[in-house]
Amino acid sequence: MILRAKRTRRFCLFAVPLAWVLAIARVATAVEVGDKAPDFTLPSTTGGNVILRQFQGRKLVLLEFYVSDFRPT
């Protein structure tokens, strides 16, 4: 039973992010190199939200995504 739970967890940790990436791939193809990125809001790791337009005027914005049970220390 425990082995089945581990397999299910491993599958979900792989399948859910993959499904998310494939689902947004259609949106991503609408943006071409050199285009302005569409504004979006994401939850931050410290609470609250981060909005892309908060970084307007900066030369570079780096986004890092982590699985829900891992956060950098």
PDB file of N, CA and C in Angstrom:
ATOM      1  N   MET A   1       0.816  -1.195   0.000  1.00  0.00           N
ATOM      2  CA  MET A   1       0.000   0.000   0.000  1.00  0.00           C
ATOM      3  C   MET A   1       0.862   1.263   0.000  1.00  0.00           C
ATOM      4  N   ILE A   2       1.931   1.240   0.803  1.00  0.00           N
ATOM      5  CA  ILE A   2       2.822   2.396   0.866  1.00  0.00           C
ATOM      6  C   ILE A   2       3.512   2.607  -0.474  1.00  0.00           C
ATOM      7  N   LEU A   3       3.892   1.527  -1.132  1.00  0.00           N
ATOM      8  CA  LEU A   3       4.538   1.630  -2.439  1.00  0.00           C
ATOM      9  C   LEU A   3       3.607   2.285  -3.449  1.00  0.00           C
ATOM     10  N   ARG A   4       2.338   1.927  -3.414  1.00  0.00           N
ATOM     11  CA  ARG A   4       1.364   2.523  -4.331  1.00  0.00           C
ATOM     12  C   ARG A   4       1.235   4.023  -4.064  1.00  0.00           C
ATOM     13  N   ALA A   5       1.225   4.427  -2.815  1.00  0.00           N
ATOM     14  CA  ALA A   5       1.131   5.842  -2.459  1.00  0.00           C
ATOM     15  C   ALA A   5       2.356   6.601  -2.953  1.00  0.00           C
ATOM     16  N   LYS A   6       3.529   5.993  -2.831  1.00  0.00           N
ATOM     17  CA  LYS A   6       4.751   6.642  -3.318  1.00  0.00           C
ATOM     18  C   LYS A   6       4.711   6.805  -4.831  1.00  0.00           C
ATOM     19  N   ARG A   7       4.237   5.773  -5.525  1.00  0.00           N
ATOM     20  CA  ARG A   7       4.141   5.860  -6.987  1.00  0.00           C
ATOM     21  C   ARG A   7       3.146   6.936  -7.401  1.00  0.00           C
ATOM     22  N   THR A   8       2.020   6.994  -6.709  1.00  0.00           N
ATOM     23  CA  THR A   8       1.013   8.009  -7.021  1.00  0.00           C
ATOM     24  C   THR A   8       1.573   9.401  -6.778  1.00  0.00           C
ATOM     25  N   ARG A   9       2.268   9.580  -5.670  1.00  0.00           N
ATOM     26  CA  ARG A   9       2.865  10.888  -5.361  1.00  0.00           C
ATOM     27  C   ARG A   9       3.900  11.270  -6.415  1.00  0.00           C
ATOM     28  N   ARG A  10       4.755  10.339  -6.782  1.00  0.00           N
ATOM     29  CA  ARG A  10       5.776  10.596  -7.792  1.00  0.00           C
ATOM     30  C   ARG A  10       5.125  10.961  -9.126  1.00  0.00           C
ATOM     31  N   PHE A  11       4.077  10.238  -9.487  1.00  0.00           N
ATOM     32  CA  PHE A  11       3.366  10.523 -10.732  1.00  0.00           C
ATOM     33  C   PHE A  11       2.773  11.931 -10.698  1.00  0.00           C
ATOM     34  N   CYS A  12       2.140  12.296  -9.593  1.00  0.00           N
ATOM     35  CA  CYS A  12       1.527  13.619  -9.482  1.00  0.00           C
ATOM     36  C   CYS A  12       2.573  14.727  -9.516  1.00  0.00           C
ATOM     37  N   LEU A  13       3.708  14.496  -8.867  1.00  0.00           N
ATOM     38  CA  LEU A  13       4.765  15.511  -8.879  1.00  0.00           C
ATOM     39  C   LEU A  13       5.320  15.733 -10.276  1.00  0.00           C
ATOM     40  N   PHE A  14       5.218  14.741 -11.133  1.00  0.00           N
ATOM     41  CA  PHE A  14       5.670  14.878 -12.511  1.00  0.00           C
ATOM     42  C   PHE A  14       4.537  15.333 -13.423  1.00  0.00           C
ATOM     43  N   ALA A  15       3.378  14.711 -13.303  1.00  0.00           N
ATOM     44  CA  ALA A  15       2.284  14.940 -14.245  1.00  0.00           C
ATOM     45  C   ALA A  15       1.626  16.307 -14.089  1.00  0.00           C
ATOM     46  N   VAL A  16       1.441  16.766 -12.867  1.00  0.00           N
ATOM     47  CA  VAL A  16       0.753  18.038 -12.660  1.00  0.00           C
ATOM     48  C   VAL A  16       1.547  19.212 -13.239  1.00  0.00           C
ATOM     49  N   PRO A  17       2.841  19.362 -12.932  1.00  0.00           N
ATOM     50  CA  PRO A  17       3.584  20.457 -13.573  1.00  0.00           C
ATOM     51  C   PRO A  17       3.656  20.316 -15.096  1.00  0.00           C
ATOM     52  N   LEU A  18       3.784  19.093 -15.586  1.00  0.00           N
ATOM     53  CA  LEU A  18       3.820  18.888 -17.032  1.00  0.00           C
ATOM     54  C   LEU A  18       2.506  19.314 -17.665  1.00  0.00           C
ATOM     55  N   ALA A  19       1.392  18.941 -17.072  1.00  0.00           N
ATOM     56  CA  ALA A  19       0.081  19.338 -17.598  1.00  0.00           C
ATOM     57  C   ALA A  19      -0.069  20.852 -17.580  1.00  0.00           C
ATOM     58  N   TRP A  20       0.432  21.493 -16.527  1.00  0.00           N
ATOM     59  CA  TRP A  20       0.354  22.950 -16.432  1.00  0.00           C
ATOM     60  C   TRP A  20       1.166  23.602 -17.551  1.00  0.00           C
ATOM     61  N   VAL A  21       2.374  23.105 -17.773  1.00  0.00           N
ATOM     62  CA  VAL A  21       3.226  23.661 -18.832  1.00  0.00           C
ATOM     63  C   VAL A  21       2.576  23.477 -20.194  1.00  0.00           C
ATOM     64  N   LEU A  22       2.031  22.308 -20.443  1.00  0.00           N
ATOM     65  CA  LEU A  22       1.373  22.062 -21.724  1.00  0.00           C
ATOM     66  C   LEU A  22       0.130  22.921 -21.890  1.00  0.00           C
ATOM     67  N   ALA A  23      -0.585  23.165 -20.809  1.00  0.00           N
ATOM     68  CA  ALA A  23      -1.797  23.981 -20.885  1.00  0.00           C
ATOM     69  C   ALA A  23      -1.478  25.430 -21.215  1.00  0.00           C
ATOM     70  N   ILE A  24      -0.385  25.957 -20.659  1.00  0.00           N
ATOM     71  CA  ILE A  24      -0.056  27.353 -20.939  1.00  0.00           C
ATOM     72  C   ILE A  24       0.788  27.515 -22.193  1.00  0.00           C
ATOM     73  N   ALA A  25       1.195  26.423 -22.806  1.00  0.00           N
ATOM     74  CA  ALA A  25       2.016  26.514 -24.017  1.00  0.00           C
ATOM     75  C   ALA A  25       1.295  27.284 -25.108  1.00  0.00           C
ATOM     76  N   ARG A  26      -0.013  27.144 -25.173  1.00  0.00           N
ATOM     77  CA  ARG A  26      -0.780  27.885 -26.176  1.00  0.00           C
ATOM     78  C   ARG A  26      -0.682  29.382 -25.943  1.00  0.00           C
ATOM     79  N   VAL A  27      -0.714  29.796 -24.682  1.00  0.00           N
ATOM     80  CA  VAL A  27      -0.590  31.209 -24.354  1.00  0.00           C
ATOM     81  C   VAL A  27       0.822  31.687 -24.663  1.00  0.00           C
ATOM     82  N   ALA A  28       1.809  30.872 -24.331  1.00  0.00           N
ATOM     83  CA  ALA A  28       3.204  31.255 -24.532  1.00  0.00           C
ATOM     84  C   ALA A  28       3.529  31.465 -26.001  1.00  0.00           C
ATOM     85  N   THR A  29       2.883  30.744 -26.897  1.00  0.00           N
ATOM     86  CA  THR A  29       3.177  30.905 -28.314  1.00  0.00           C
ATOM     87  C   THR A  29       2.662  32.231 -28.850  1.00  0.00           C
ATOM     88  N   ALA A  30       1.774  32.894 -28.113  1.00  0.00           N
ATOM     89  CA  ALA A  30       1.250  34.179 -28.560  1.00  0.00           C
ATOM     90  C   ALA A  30       2.269  35.297 -28.354  1.00  0.00           C
ATOM     91  N   VAL A  31       3.308  35.062 -27.576  1.00  0.00           N
ATOM     92  CA  VAL A  31       4.337  36.061 -27.305  1.00  0.00           C
ATOM     93  C   VAL A  31       5.565  35.717 -28.136  1.00  0.00           C
ATOM     94  N   GLU A  32       6.020  36.668 -28.898  1.00  0.00           N
ATOM     95  CA  GLU A  32       7.202  36.480 -29.738  1.00  0.00           C
ATOM     96  C   GLU A  32       8.422  37.114 -29.073  1.00  0.00           C
ATOM     97  N   VAL A  33       9.592  36.701 -29.486  1.00  0.00           N
ATOM     98  CA  VAL A  33      10.830  37.288 -28.983  1.00  0.00           C
ATOM     99  C   VAL A  33      10.812  38.779 -29.296  1.00  0.00           C
ATOM    100  N   GLY A  34      11.116  39.590 -28.301  1.00  0.00           N
ATOM    101  CA  GLY A  34      11.118  41.032 -28.473  1.00  0.00           C
ATOM    102  C   GLY A  34       9.819  41.693 -28.044  1.00  0.00           C
ATOM    103  N   ASP A  35       8.740  40.910 -27.891  1.00  0.00           N
ATOM    104  CA  ASP A  35       7.465  41.450 -27.418  1.00  0.00           C
ATOM    105  C   ASP A  35       7.550  41.732 -25.921  1.00  0.00           C
ATOM    106  N   LYS A  36       6.714  42.649 -25.463  1.00  0.00           N
ATOM    107  CA  LYS A  36       6.609  42.883 -24.028  1.00  0.00           C
ATOM    108  C   LYS A  36       5.848  41.724 -23.408  1.00  0.00           C
ATOM    109  N   ALA A  37       6.271  41.310 -22.239  1.00  0.00           N
ATOM    110  CA  ALA A  37       5.600  40.215 -21.533  1.00  0.00           C
ATOM    111  C   ALA A  37       4.241  40.691 -21.033  1.00  0.00           C
ATOM    112  N   PRO A  38       3.239  39.834 -21.093  1.00  0.00           N
ATOM    113  CA  PRO A  38       1.935  40.217 -20.537  1.00  0.00           C
ATOM    114  C   PRO A  38       2.025  40.320 -19.017  1.00  0.00           C
ATOM    115  N   ASP A  39       1.285  41.256 -18.442  1.00  0.00           N
ATOM    116  CA  ASP A  39       1.302  41.425 -16.996  1.00  0.00           C
ATOM    117  C   ASP A  39       0.641  40.224 -16.329  1.00  0.00           C
ATOM    118  N   PHE A  40       1.188  39.796 -15.200  1.00  0.00           N
ATOM    119  CA  PHE A  40       0.615  38.679 -14.458  1.00  0.00           C
ATOM    120  C   PHE A  40       0.895  38.858 -12.977  1.00  0.00           C
ATOM    121  N   THR A  41       0.146  38.128 -12.169  1.00  0.00           N
ATOM    122  CA  THR A  41       0.295  38.148 -10.718  1.00  0.00           C
ATOM    123  C   THR A  41       0.532  36.733 -10.230  1.00  0.00           C
ATOM    124  N   LEU A  42       1.541  36.563  -9.370  1.00  0.00           N
ATOM    125  CA  LEU A  42       1.858  35.257  -8.793  1.00  0.00           C
ATOM    126  C   LEU A  42       1.988  35.389  -7.283  1.00  0.00           C
ATOM    127  N   PRO A  43       1.650  34.338  -6.537  1.00  0.00           N
ATOM    128  CA  PRO A  43       1.853  34.393  -5.087  1.00  0.00           C
ATOM    129  C   PRO A  43       3.343  34.324  -4.757  1.00  0.00           C
ATOM    130  N   SER A  44       3.758  35.089  -3.763  1.00  0.00           N
ATOM    131  CA  SER A  44       5.163  35.059  -3.352  1.00  0.00           C
ATOM    132  C   SER A  44       5.359  34.029  -2.249  1.00  0.00           C
ATOM    133  N   THR A  45       6.593  33.677  -1.991  1.00  0.00           N
ATOM    134  CA  THR A  45       6.900  32.695  -0.947  1.00  0.00           C
ATOM    135  C   THR A  45       6.796  33.300   0.447  1.00  0.00           C
ATOM    136  N   THR A  46       6.741  34.624   0.536  1.00  0.00           N
ATOM    137  CA  THR A  46       6.660  35.289   1.834  1.00  0.00           C
ATOM    138  C   THR A  46       5.260  35.790   2.143  1.00  0.00           C
ATOM    139  N   GLY A  47       4.291  35.404   1.325  1.00  0.00           N
ATOM    140  CA  GLY A  47       2.922  35.885   1.487  1.00  0.00           C
ATOM    141  C   GLY A  47       2.664  37.051   0.557  1.00  0.00           C
ATOM    142  N   GLY A  48       1.424  37.293   0.248  1.00  0.00           N
ATOM    143  CA  GLY A  48       1.094  38.365  -0.674  1.00  0.00           C
ATOM    144  C   GLY A  48       1.287  37.931  -2.112  1.00  0.00           C
ATOM    145  N   ASN A  49       1.310  38.913  -2.990  1.00  0.00           N
ATOM    146  CA  ASN A  49       1.454  38.647  -4.419  1.00  0.00           C
ATOM    147  C   ASN A  49       2.583  39.472  -5.011  1.00  0.00           C
ATOM    148  N   VAL A  50       3.115  38.995  -6.103  1.00  0.00           N
ATOM    149  CA  VAL A  50       4.114  39.729  -6.878  1.00  0.00           C
ATOM    150  C   VAL A  50       3.499  39.985  -8.243  1.00  0.00           C
ATOM    151  N   ILE A  51       3.517  41.234  -8.668  1.00  0.00           N
ATOM    152  CA  ILE A  51       2.937  41.625  -9.953  1.00  0.00           C
ATOM    153  C   ILE A  51       4.083  42.028 -10.873  1.00  0.00           C
ATOM    154  N   LEU A  52       4.060  41.540 -12.093  1.00  0.00           N
ATOM    155  CA  LEU A  52       5.155  41.812 -13.026  1.00  0.00           C
ATOM    156  C   LEU A  52       5.377  43.305 -13.218  1.00  0.00           C
ATOM    157  N   ARG A  53       4.324  44.094 -13.281  1.00  0.00           N
ATOM    158  CA  ARG A  53       4.500  45.528 -13.534  1.00  0.00           C
ATOM    159  C   ARG A  53       5.259  46.245 -12.417  1.00  0.00           C
ATOM    160  N   GLN A  54       5.412  45.594 -11.236  1.00  0.00           N
ATOM    161  CA  GLN A  54       6.210  46.177 -10.157  1.00  0.00           C
ATOM    162  C   GLN A  54       7.677  46.313 -10.573  1.00  0.00           C
ATOM    163  N   PHE A  55       8.084  45.529 -11.548  1.00  0.00           N
ATOM    164  CA  PHE A  55       9.476  45.523 -11.989  1.00  0.00           C
ATOM    165  C   PHE A  55       9.673  46.286 -13.296  1.00  0.00           C
ATOM    166  N   GLN A  56       8.678  47.052 -13.704  1.00  0.00           N
ATOM    167  CA  GLN A  56       8.761  47.806 -14.949  1.00  0.00           C
ATOM    168  C   GLN A  56       9.937  48.773 -14.897  1.00  0.00           C
ATOM    169  N   GLY A  57      10.679  48.822 -15.974  1.00  0.00           N
ATOM    170  CA  GLY A  57      11.839  49.689 -16.058  1.00  0.00           C
ATOM    171  C   GLY A  57      13.147  48.986 -15.741  1.00  0.00           C
ATOM    172  N   ARG A  58      13.082  47.807 -15.171  1.00  0.00           N
ATOM    173  CA  ARG A  58      14.304  47.044 -14.913  1.00  0.00           C
ATOM    174  C   ARG A  58      14.703  46.308 -16.178  1.00  0.00           C
ATOM    175  N   LYS A  59      15.982  46.094 -16.330  1.00  0.00           N
ATOM    176  CA  LYS A  59      16.487  45.450 -17.536  1.00  0.00           C
ATOM    177  C   LYS A  59      16.183  43.954 -17.567  1.00  0.00           C
ATOM    178  N   LEU A  60      16.204  43.293 -16.413  1.00  0.00           N
ATOM    179  CA  LEU A  60      16.059  41.844 -16.369  1.00  0.00           C
ATOM    180  C   LEU A  60      15.200  41.436 -15.179  1.00  0.00           C
ATOM    181  N   VAL A  61      14.301  40.494 -15.412  1.00  0.00           N
ATOM    182  CA  VAL A  61      13.502  39.894 -14.342  1.00  0.00           C
ATOM    183  C   VAL A  61      13.668  38.389 -14.460  1.00  0.00           C
ATOM    184  N   LEU A  62      14.104  37.740 -13.382  1.00  0.00           N
ATOM    185  CA  LEU A  62      14.315  36.293 -13.366  1.00  0.00           C
ATOM    186  C   LEU A  62      13.218  35.639 -12.541  1.00  0.00           C
ATOM    187  N   LEU A  63      12.549  34.647 -13.118  1.00  0.00           N
ATOM    188  CA  LEU A  63      11.509  33.903 -12.414  1.00  0.00           C
ATOM    189  C   LEU A  63      12.013  32.505 -12.124  1.00  0.00           C
ATOM    190  N   GLU A  64      11.837  32.049 -10.882  1.00  0.00           N
ATOM    191  CA  GLU A  64      12.185  30.678 -10.512  1.00  0.00           C
ATOM    192  C   GLU A  64      10.936  30.012  -9.966  1.00  0.00           C
ATOM    193  N   PHE A  65      10.657  28.800 -10.439  1.00  0.00           N
ATOM    194  CA  PHE A  65       9.489  28.056  -9.990  1.00  0.00           C
ATOM    195  C   PHE A  65       9.956  26.812  -9.252  1.00  0.00           C
ATOM    196  N   TYR A  66       9.301  26.513  -8.137  1.00  0.00           N
ATOM    197  CA  TYR A  66       9.637  25.358  -7.311  1.00  0.00           C
ATOM    198  C   TYR A  66       8.396  24.502  -7.116  1.00  0.00           C
ATOM    199  N   VAL A  67       8.600  23.210  -6.911  1.00  0.00           N
ATOM    200  CA  VAL A  67       7.475  22.351  -6.552  1.00  0.00           C
ATOM    201  C   VAL A  67       6.991  22.764  -5.169  1.00  0.00           C
ATOM    202  N   SER A  68       5.752  22.477  -4.854  1.00  0.00           N
ATOM    203  CA  SER A  68       5.136  23.009  -3.637  1.00  0.00           C
ATOM    204  C   SER A  68       5.799  22.542  -2.340  1.00  0.00           C
ATOM    205  N   ASP A  69       6.438  21.387  -2.327  1.00  0.00           N
ATOM    206  CA  ASP A  69       7.047  20.925  -1.078  1.00  0.00           C
ATOM    207  C   ASP A  69       8.533  21.259  -0.974  1.00  0.00           C
ATOM    208  N   PHE A  70       9.043  22.094  -1.867  1.00  0.00           N
ATOM    209  CA  PHE A  70      10.443  22.509  -1.806  1.00  0.00           C
ATOM    210  C   PHE A  70      10.510  24.013  -1.956  1.00  0.00           C
ATOM    211  N   ARG A  71      11.215  24.655  -1.044  1.00  0.00           N
ATOM    212  CA  ARG A  71      11.463  26.085  -1.148  1.00  0.00           C
ATOM    213  C   ARG A  71      12.909  26.328  -0.770  1.00  0.00           C
ATOM    214  N   PRO A  72      13.573  27.243  -1.454  1.00  0.00           N
ATOM    215  CA  PRO A  72      14.975  27.510  -1.112  1.00  0.00           C
ATOM    216  C   PRO A  72      15.073  28.114   0.284  1.00  0.00           C
ATOM    217  N   THR A  73      16.180  27.857   0.942  1.00  0.00           N
ATOM    218  CA  THR A  73      16.367  28.395   2.292  1.00  0.00           C
ATOM    219  C   THR A  73      17.236  29.615   2.262  1.00  0.00           C
TER     220      THR A  73
END
